Amino acid sequence: MCEALVYAMTAVEAEPLRESAHREVTAVHL
């Protein structure tokens, strides 16, 4: 999960308005 969150946050930083990136961050938290 630690590595997953790093990559998910990278996706959010690359395209902050993309829902799929935020959904992945949420999935990691879950």
Full PDB file with SEQRES, HELIX, SHEET, SSBOND, CRYST1, ORIGX, SCALE, CONECT and MASTER records, all heavy atoms in Angstrom:
SEQRES   1 A   30  MET CYS GLU ALA LEU VAL TYR ALA MET THR ALA VAL GLU          
SEQRES   2 A   30  ALA GLU PRO LEU ARG GLU SER ALA HIS ARG GLU VAL THR          
SEQRES   3 A   30  ALA VAL HIS LEU                                              
HELIX    1 AA1 CYS A    2  ALA A   14  1                                  13    
HELIX    2 AA2 GLU A   19  HIS A   29  1                                  11    
CRYST1    1.000    1.000    1.000  90.00  90.00  90.00 P 1           1          
ORIGX1      1.000000  0.000000  0.000000        0.00000                         
ORIGX2      0.000000  1.000000  0.000000        0.00000                         
ORIGX3      0.000000  0.000000  1.000000        0.00000                         
SCALE1      1.000000  0.000000  0.000000        0.00000                         
SCALE2      0.000000  1.000000  0.000000        0.00000                         
SCALE3      0.000000  0.000000  1.000000        0.00000                         
ATOM      1  N   MET A   1       0.803  -1.219   0.000  1.00  0.00           N  
ATOM      2  CA  MET A   1       0.000   0.000   0.000  1.00  0.00           C  
ATOM      3  C   MET A   1       0.838   1.272   0.000  1.00  0.00           C  
ATOM      4  O   MET A   1       0.444   2.262  -0.614  1.00  0.00           O  
ATOM      5  CB  MET A   1      -0.960   0.007   1.194  1.00  0.00           C  
ATOM      6  CG  MET A   1      -1.955  -1.112   1.163  1.00  0.00           C  
ATOM      7  SD  MET A   1      -2.896  -1.148  -0.390  1.00  0.00           S  
ATOM      8  CE  MET A   1      -3.716  -2.699  -0.213  1.00  0.00           C  
ATOM      9  N   CYS A   2       1.968   1.269   0.662  1.00  0.00           N  
ATOM     10  CA  CYS A   2       2.814   2.465   0.683  1.00  0.00           C  
ATOM     11  C   CYS A   2       3.261   2.824  -0.737  1.00  0.00           C  
ATOM     12  O   CYS A   2       3.136   3.968  -1.171  1.00  0.00           O  
ATOM     13  CB  CYS A   2       4.014   2.256   1.597  1.00  0.00           C  
ATOM     14  SG  CYS A   2       5.040   3.722   1.776  1.00  0.00           S  
ATOM     15  N   GLU A   3       3.756   1.832  -1.466  1.00  0.00           N  
ATOM     16  CA  GLU A   3       4.184   2.064  -2.843  1.00  0.00           C  
ATOM     17  C   GLU A   3       2.998   2.442  -3.723  1.00  0.00           C  
ATOM     18  O   GLU A   3       3.095   3.326  -4.573  1.00  0.00           O  
ATOM     19  CB  GLU A   3       4.879   0.825  -3.417  1.00  0.00           C  
ATOM     20  CG  GLU A   3       6.209   0.515  -2.784  1.00  0.00           C  
ATOM     21  CD  GLU A   3       6.086  -0.404  -1.568  1.00  0.00           C  
ATOM     22  OE1 GLU A   3       4.963  -0.596  -1.033  1.00  0.00           O  
ATOM     23  OE2 GLU A   3       7.119  -0.927  -1.137  1.00  0.00           O  
ATOM     24  N   ALA A   4       1.858   1.782  -3.499  1.00  0.00           N  
ATOM     25  CA  ALA A   4       0.656   2.080  -4.277  1.00  0.00           C  
ATOM     26  C   ALA A   4       0.243   3.535  -4.095  1.00  0.00           C  
ATOM     27  O   ALA A   4      -0.106   4.217  -5.064  1.00  0.00           O  
ATOM     28  CB  ALA A   4      -0.484   1.150  -3.872  1.00  0.00           C  
ATOM     29  N   LEU A   5       0.308   4.021  -2.853  1.00  0.00           N  
ATOM     30  CA  LEU A   5      -0.087   5.402  -2.602  1.00  0.00           C  
ATOM     31  C   LEU A   5       0.861   6.389  -3.266  1.00  0.00           C  
ATOM     32  O   LEU A   5       0.424   7.409  -3.807  1.00  0.00           O  
ATOM     33  CB  LEU A   5      -0.166   5.660  -1.098  1.00  0.00           C  
ATOM     34  CG  LEU A   5      -0.736   7.019  -0.699  1.00  0.00           C  
ATOM     35  CD1 LEU A   5      -2.139   7.219  -1.269  1.00  0.00           C  
ATOM     36  CD2 LEU A   5      -0.750   7.154   0.809  1.00  0.00           C  
ATOM     37  N   VAL A   6       2.154   6.091  -3.282  1.00  0.00           N  
ATOM     38  CA  VAL A   6       3.123   6.972  -3.937  1.00  0.00           C  
ATOM     39  C   VAL A   6       2.774   7.113  -5.422  1.00  0.00           C  
ATOM     40  O   VAL A   6       2.722   8.227  -5.962  1.00  0.00           O  
ATOM     41  CB  VAL A   6       4.567   6.460  -3.763  1.00  0.00           C  
ATOM     42  CG1 VAL A   6       5.533   7.215  -4.663  1.00  0.00           C  
ATOM     43  CG2 VAL A   6       4.997   6.571  -2.308  1.00  0.00           C  
ATOM     44  N   TYR A   7       2.507   6.003  -6.079  1.00  0.00           N  
ATOM     45  CA  TYR A   7       2.178   6.053  -7.510  1.00  0.00           C  
ATOM     46  C   TYR A   7       0.813   6.695  -7.753  1.00  0.00           C  
ATOM     47  O   TYR A   7       0.634   7.439  -8.717  1.00  0.00           O  
ATOM     48  CB  TYR A   7       2.231   4.659  -8.128  1.00  0.00           C  
ATOM     49  CG  TYR A   7       3.641   4.208  -8.401  1.00  0.00           C  
ATOM     50  CD1 TYR A   7       4.263   3.274  -7.581  1.00  0.00           C  
ATOM     51  CD2 TYR A   7       4.351   4.726  -9.466  1.00  0.00           C  
ATOM     52  CE1 TYR A   7       5.569   2.864  -7.829  1.00  0.00           C  
ATOM     53  CE2 TYR A   7       5.651   4.325  -9.729  1.00  0.00           C  
ATOM     54  CZ  TYR A   7       6.251   3.393  -8.905  1.00  0.00           C  
ATOM     55  OH  TYR A   7       7.545   2.994  -9.158  1.00  0.00           O  
ATOM     56  N   ALA A   8      -0.148   6.432  -6.880  1.00  0.00           N  
ATOM     57  CA  ALA A   8      -1.467   7.046  -7.033  1.00  0.00           C  
ATOM     58  C   ALA A   8      -1.370   8.564  -6.899  1.00  0.00           C  
ATOM     59  O   ALA A   8      -1.988   9.311  -7.670  1.00  0.00           O  
ATOM     60  CB  ALA A   8      -2.439   6.476  -6.006  1.00  0.00           C  
ATOM     61  N   MET A   9      -0.578   9.022  -5.952  1.00  0.00           N  
ATOM     62  CA  MET A   9      -0.408  10.461  -5.778  1.00  0.00           C  
ATOM     63  C   MET A   9       0.348  11.074  -6.961  1.00  0.00           C  
ATOM     64  O   MET A   9       0.085  12.214  -7.339  1.00  0.00           O  
ATOM     65  CB  MET A   9       0.308  10.759  -4.461  1.00  0.00           C  
ATOM     66  CG  MET A   9      -0.520  10.405  -3.226  1.00  0.00           C  
ATOM     67  SD  MET A   9      -2.144  11.210  -3.182  1.00  0.00           S  
ATOM     68  CE  MET A   9      -1.658  12.919  -3.050  1.00  0.00           C  
ATOM     69  N   THR A  10       1.260  10.315  -7.554  1.00  0.00           N  
ATOM     70  CA  THR A  10       1.944  10.791  -8.763  1.00  0.00           C  
ATOM     71  C   THR A  10       0.929  11.004  -9.885  1.00  0.00           C  
ATOM     72  O   THR A  10       1.005  11.992 -10.621  1.00  0.00           O  
ATOM     73  CB  THR A  10       3.029   9.788  -9.196  1.00  0.00           C  
ATOM     74  OG1 THR A  10       3.996   9.683  -8.154  1.00  0.00           O  
ATOM     75  CG2 THR A  10       3.709  10.215 -10.493  1.00  0.00           C  
ATOM     76  N   ALA A  11      -0.021  10.089  -9.993  1.00  0.00           N  
ATOM     77  CA  ALA A  11      -1.067  10.230 -11.015  1.00  0.00           C  
ATOM     78  C   ALA A  11      -1.916  11.468 -10.758  1.00  0.00           C  
ATOM     79  O   ALA A  11      -2.266  12.193 -11.689  1.00  0.00           O  
ATOM     80  CB  ALA A  11      -1.936   8.976 -11.047  1.00  0.00           C  
ATOM     81  N   VAL A  12      -2.237  11.728  -9.495  1.00  0.00           N  
ATOM     82  CA  VAL A  12      -3.015  12.924  -9.156  1.00  0.00           C  
ATOM     83  C   VAL A  12      -2.220  14.183  -9.492  1.00  0.00           C  
ATOM     84  O   VAL A  12      -2.755  15.149 -10.038  1.00  0.00           O  
ATOM     85  CB  VAL A  12      -3.418  12.914  -7.667  1.00  0.00           C  
ATOM     86  CG1 VAL A  12      -3.976  14.266  -7.238  1.00  0.00           C  
ATOM     87  CG2 VAL A  12      -4.428  11.811  -7.390  1.00  0.00           C  
ATOM     88  N   GLU A  13      -0.935  14.183  -9.174  1.00  0.00           N  
ATOM     89  CA  GLU A  13      -0.092  15.344  -9.469  1.00  0.00           C  
ATOM     90  C   GLU A  13       0.042  15.578 -10.975  1.00  0.00           C  
ATOM     91  O   GLU A  13       0.083  16.724 -11.427  1.00  0.00           O  
ATOM     92  CB  GLU A  13       1.282  15.176  -8.847  1.00  0.00           C  
ATOM     93  CG  GLU A  13       1.269  15.276  -7.337  1.00  0.00           C  
ATOM     94  CD  GLU A  13       2.581  14.870  -6.698  1.00  0.00           C  
ATOM     95  OE1 GLU A  13       3.570  14.646  -7.426  1.00  0.00           O  
ATOM     96  OE2 GLU A  13       2.613  14.759  -5.469  1.00  0.00           O  
ATOM     97  N   ALA A  14       0.103  14.498 -11.753  1.00  0.00           N  
ATOM     98  CA  ALA A  14       0.236  14.632 -13.203  1.00  0.00           C  
ATOM     99  C   ALA A  14      -1.022  15.230 -13.824  1.00  0.00           C  
ATOM    100  O   ALA A  14      -0.933  16.055 -14.734  1.00  0.00           O  
ATOM    101  CB  ALA A  14       0.552  13.280 -13.837  1.00  0.00           C  
ATOM    102  N   GLU A  15      -2.186  14.797 -13.345  1.00  0.00           N  
ATOM    103  CA  GLU A  15      -3.453  15.303 -13.875  1.00  0.00           C  
ATOM    104  C   GLU A  15      -4.451  15.420 -12.723  1.00  0.00           C  
ATOM    105  O   GLU A  15      -5.256  14.528 -12.485  1.00  0.00           O  
ATOM    106  CB  GLU A  15      -3.988  14.383 -14.968  1.00  0.00           C  
ATOM    107  CG  GLU A  15      -3.124  14.378 -16.224  1.00  0.00           C  
ATOM    108  CD  GLU A  15      -3.824  13.725 -17.382  1.00  0.00           C  
ATOM    109  OE1 GLU A  15      -4.937  14.146 -17.716  1.00  0.00           O  
ATOM    110  OE2 GLU A  15      -3.241  12.789 -17.946  1.00  0.00           O  
ATOM    111  N   PRO A  16      -4.393  16.533 -11.997  1.00  0.00           N  
ATOM    112  CA  PRO A  16      -5.196  16.681 -10.785  1.00  0.00           C  
ATOM    113  C   PRO A  16      -6.710  16.676 -10.988  1.00  0.00           C  
ATOM    114  O   PRO A  16      -7.440  16.443 -10.028  1.00  0.00           O  
ATOM    115  CB  PRO A  16      -4.742  18.025 -10.201  1.00  0.00           C  
ATOM    116  CG  PRO A  16      -3.881  18.659 -11.200  1.00  0.00           C  
ATOM    117  CD  PRO A  16      -3.524  17.664 -12.240  1.00  0.00           C  
ATOM    118  N   LEU A  17      -7.173  16.892 -12.190  1.00  0.00           N  
ATOM    119  CA  LEU A  17      -8.613  16.910 -12.418  1.00  0.00           C  
ATOM    120  C   LEU A  17      -9.165  15.563 -12.881  1.00  0.00           C  
ATOM    121  O   LEU A  17     -10.383  15.433 -13.080  1.00  0.00           O  
ATOM    122  CB  LEU A  17      -8.974  17.998 -13.441  1.00  0.00           C  
ATOM    123  CG  LEU A  17      -8.586  19.421 -13.025  1.00  0.00           C  
ATOM    124  CD1 LEU A  17      -8.971  20.404 -14.120  1.00  0.00           C  
ATOM    125  CD2 LEU A  17      -9.229  19.799 -11.700  1.00  0.00           C  
ATOM    126  N   ARG A  18      -8.316  14.559 -13.023  1.00  0.00           N  
ATOM    127  CA  ARG A  18      -8.758  13.233 -13.465  1.00  0.00           C  
ATOM    128  C   ARG A  18      -9.337  12.442 -12.300  1.00  0.00           C  
ATOM    129  O   ARG A  18      -8.690  12.183 -11.304  1.00  0.00           O  
ATOM    130  CB  ARG A  18      -7.605  12.432 -14.054  1.00  0.00           C  
ATOM    131  CG  ARG A  18      -7.182  12.898 -15.393  1.00  0.00           C  
ATOM    132  CD  ARG A  18      -8.232  12.520 -16.406  1.00  0.00           C  
ATOM    133  NE  ARG A  18      -7.747  12.852 -17.724  1.00  0.00           N  
ATOM    134  CZ  ARG A  18      -8.266  12.374 -18.815  1.00  0.00           C  
ATOM    135  NH1 ARG A  18      -9.273  11.561 -18.763  1.00  0.00           N  
ATOM    136  NH2 ARG A  18      -7.772  12.736 -19.976  1.00  0.00           N  
ATOM    137  N   GLU A  19     -10.599  12.046 -12.464  1.00  0.00           N  
ATOM    138  CA  GLU A  19     -11.271  11.285 -11.413  1.00  0.00           C  
ATOM    139  C   GLU A  19     -10.608   9.934 -11.179  1.00  0.00           C  
ATOM    140  O   GLU A  19     -10.531   9.459 -10.039  1.00  0.00           O  
ATOM    141  CB  GLU A  19     -12.740  11.082 -11.789  1.00  0.00           C  
ATOM    142  CG  GLU A  19     -13.526  10.346 -10.734  1.00  0.00           C  
ATOM    143  CD  GLU A  19     -14.973  10.146 -11.128  1.00  0.00           C  
ATOM    144  OE1 GLU A  19     -15.479  10.854 -12.008  1.00  0.00           O  
ATOM    145  OE2 GLU A  19     -15.600   9.260 -10.524  1.00  0.00           O  
ATOM    146  N   SER A  20     -10.106   9.295 -12.231  1.00  0.00           N  
ATOM    147  CA  SER A  20      -9.518   7.962 -12.070  1.00  0.00           C  
ATOM    148  C   SER A  20      -8.321   7.977 -11.127  1.00  0.00           C  
ATOM    149  O   SER A  20      -8.117   7.030 -10.365  1.00  0.00           O  
ATOM    150  CB  SER A  20      -9.117   7.384 -13.433  1.00  0.00           C  
ATOM    151  OG  SER A  20      -8.211   8.249 -14.088  1.00  0.00           O  
ATOM    152  N   ALA A  21      -7.551   9.039 -11.151  1.00  0.00           N  
ATOM    153  CA  ALA A  21      -6.404   9.131 -10.239  1.00  0.00           C  
ATOM    154  C   ALA A  21      -6.876   9.264  -8.792  1.00  0.00           C  
ATOM    155  O   ALA A  21      -6.353   8.589  -7.899  1.00  0.00           O  
ATOM    156  CB  ALA A  21      -5.527  10.320 -10.622  1.00  0.00           C  
ATOM    157  N   HIS A  22      -7.871  10.091  -8.565  1.00  0.00           N  
ATOM    158  CA  HIS A  22      -8.407  10.252  -7.209  1.00  0.00           C  
ATOM    159  C   HIS A  22      -9.095   8.973  -6.739  1.00  0.00           C  
ATOM    160  O   HIS A  22      -9.017   8.612  -5.562  1.00  0.00           O  
ATOM    161  CB  HIS A  22      -9.370  11.434  -7.159  1.00  0.00           C  
ATOM    162  CG  HIS A  22      -8.674  12.746  -7.300  1.00  0.00           C  
ATOM    163  ND1 HIS A  22      -8.043  13.371  -6.244  1.00  0.00           N  
ATOM    164  CD2 HIS A  22      -8.487  13.543  -8.377  1.00  0.00           C  
ATOM    165  CE1 HIS A  22      -7.508  14.503  -6.665  1.00  0.00           C  
ATOM    166  NE2 HIS A  22      -7.750  14.626  -7.964  1.00  0.00           N  
ATOM    167  N   ARG A  23      -9.748   8.280  -7.667  1.00  0.00           N  
ATOM    168  CA  ARG A  23     -10.389   7.011  -7.325  1.00  0.00           C  
ATOM    169  C   ARG A  23      -9.341   5.995  -6.867  1.00  0.00           C  
ATOM    170  O   ARG A  23      -9.571   5.225  -5.937  1.00  0.00           O  
ATOM    171  CB  ARG A  23     -11.168   6.490  -8.535  1.00  0.00           C  
ATOM    172  CG  ARG A  23     -12.098   5.360  -8.184  1.00  0.00           C  
ATOM    173  CD  ARG A  23     -12.917   4.861  -9.362  1.00  0.00           C  
ATOM    174  NE  ARG A  23     -13.494   5.935 -10.145  1.00  0.00           N  
ATOM    175  CZ  ARG A  23     -13.311   6.090 -11.459  1.00  0.00           C  
ATOM    176  NH1 ARG A  23     -12.587   5.236 -12.139  1.00  0.00           N  
ATOM    177  NH2 ARG A  23     -13.876   7.087 -12.103  1.00  0.00           N  
ATOM    178  N   GLU A  24      -8.173   6.001  -7.522  1.00  0.00           N  
ATOM    179  CA  GLU A  24      -7.104   5.068  -7.129  1.00  0.00           C  
ATOM    180  C   GLU A  24      -6.575   5.407  -5.738  1.00  0.00           C  
ATOM    181  O   GLU A  24      -6.317   4.513  -4.936  1.00  0.00           O  
ATOM    182  CB  GLU A  24      -5.977   5.079  -8.163  1.00  0.00           C  
ATOM    183  CG  GLU A  24      -4.839   4.144  -7.845  1.00  0.00           C  
ATOM    184  CD  GLU A  24      -5.230   2.675  -7.757  1.00  0.00           C  
ATOM    185  OE1 GLU A  24      -6.295   2.266  -8.269  1.00  0.00           O  
ATOM    186  OE2 GLU A  24      -4.452   1.908  -7.153  1.00  0.00           O  
ATOM    187  N   VAL A  25      -6.407   6.699  -5.435  1.00  0.00           N  
ATOM    188  CA  VAL A  25      -5.980   7.091  -4.083  1.00  0.00           C  
ATOM    189  C   VAL A  25      -6.988   6.567  -3.065  1.00  0.00           C  
ATOM    190  O   VAL A  25      -6.613   5.999  -2.031  1.00  0.00           O  
ATOM    191  CB  VAL A  25      -5.812   8.620  -3.964  1.00  0.00           C  
ATOM    192  CG1 VAL A  25      -5.607   9.038  -2.508  1.00  0.00           C  
ATOM    193  CG2 VAL A  25      -4.645   9.103  -4.811  1.00  0.00           C  
ATOM    194  N   THR A  26      -8.271   6.723  -3.358  1.00  0.00           N  
ATOM    195  CA  THR A  26      -9.324   6.233  -2.465  1.00  0.00           C  
ATOM    196  C   THR A  26      -9.240   4.718  -2.308  1.00  0.00           C  
ATOM    197  O   THR A  26      -9.364   4.189  -1.200  1.00  0.00           O  
ATOM    198  CB  THR A  26     -10.711   6.644  -2.994  1.00  0.00           C  
ATOM    199  OG1 THR A  26     -10.767   8.065  -3.075  1.00  0.00           O  
ATOM    200  CG2 THR A  26     -11.812   6.143  -2.089  1.00  0.00           C  
ATOM    201  N   ALA A  27      -9.003   4.010  -3.410  1.00  0.00           N  
ATOM    202  CA  ALA A  27      -8.896   2.547  -3.355  1.00  0.00           C  
ATOM    203  C   ALA A  27      -7.724   2.112  -2.485  1.00  0.00           C  
ATOM    204  O   ALA A  27      -7.823   1.123  -1.750  1.00  0.00           O  
ATOM    205  CB  ALA A  27      -8.759   1.975  -4.762  1.00  0.00           C  
ATOM    206  N   VAL A  28      -6.619   2.843  -2.534  1.00  0.00           N  
ATOM    207  CA  VAL A  28      -5.469   2.511  -1.691  1.00  0.00           C  
ATOM    208  C   VAL A  28      -5.838   2.714  -0.229  1.00  0.00           C  
ATOM    209  O   VAL A  28      -5.550   1.859   0.618  1.00  0.00           O  
ATOM    210  CB  VAL A  28      -4.228   3.349  -2.065  1.00  0.00           C  
ATOM    211  CG1 VAL A  28      -3.102   3.129  -1.065  1.00  0.00           C  
ATOM    212  CG2 VAL A  28      -3.755   3.011  -3.475  1.00  0.00           C  
ATOM    213  N   HIS A  29      -6.488   3.826   0.081  1.00  0.00           N  
ATOM    214  CA  HIS A  29      -6.910   4.061   1.466  1.00  0.00           C  
ATOM    215  C   HIS A  29      -7.848   2.950   1.945  1.00  0.00           C  
ATOM    216  O   HIS A  29      -7.719   2.465   3.067  1.00  0.00           O  
ATOM    217  CB  HIS A  29      -7.593   5.419   1.606  1.00  0.00           C  
ATOM    218  CG  HIS A  29      -6.637   6.557   1.601  1.00  0.00           C  
ATOM    219  ND1 HIS A  29      -5.677   6.746   2.572  1.00  0.00           N  
ATOM    220  CD2 HIS A  29      -6.492   7.591   0.730  1.00  0.00           C  
ATOM    221  CE1 HIS A  29      -4.985   7.843   2.299  1.00  0.00           C  
ATOM    222  NE2 HIS A  29      -5.446   8.361   1.183  1.00  0.00           N  
ATOM    223  N   LEU A  30      -8.777   2.544   1.090  1.00  0.00           N  
ATOM    224  CA  LEU A  30      -9.667   1.442   1.448  1.00  0.00           C  
ATOM    225  C   LEU A  30      -8.883   0.159   1.662  1.00  0.00           C  
ATOM    226  O   LEU A  30      -9.178  -0.619   2.568  1.00  0.00           O  
ATOM    227  CB  LEU A  30     -10.723   1.233   0.364  1.00  0.00           C  
ATOM    228  CG  LEU A  30     -11.810   2.290   0.293  1.00  0.00           C  
ATOM    229  CD1 LEU A  30     -12.679   2.044  -0.940  1.00  0.00           C  
ATOM    230  CD2 LEU A  30     -12.643   2.286   1.551  1.00  0.00           C  
TER     231      LEU A  30                                                      
MASTER        0    0    0    2    0    0    0    6  230    1    0    3          
END                                                                             
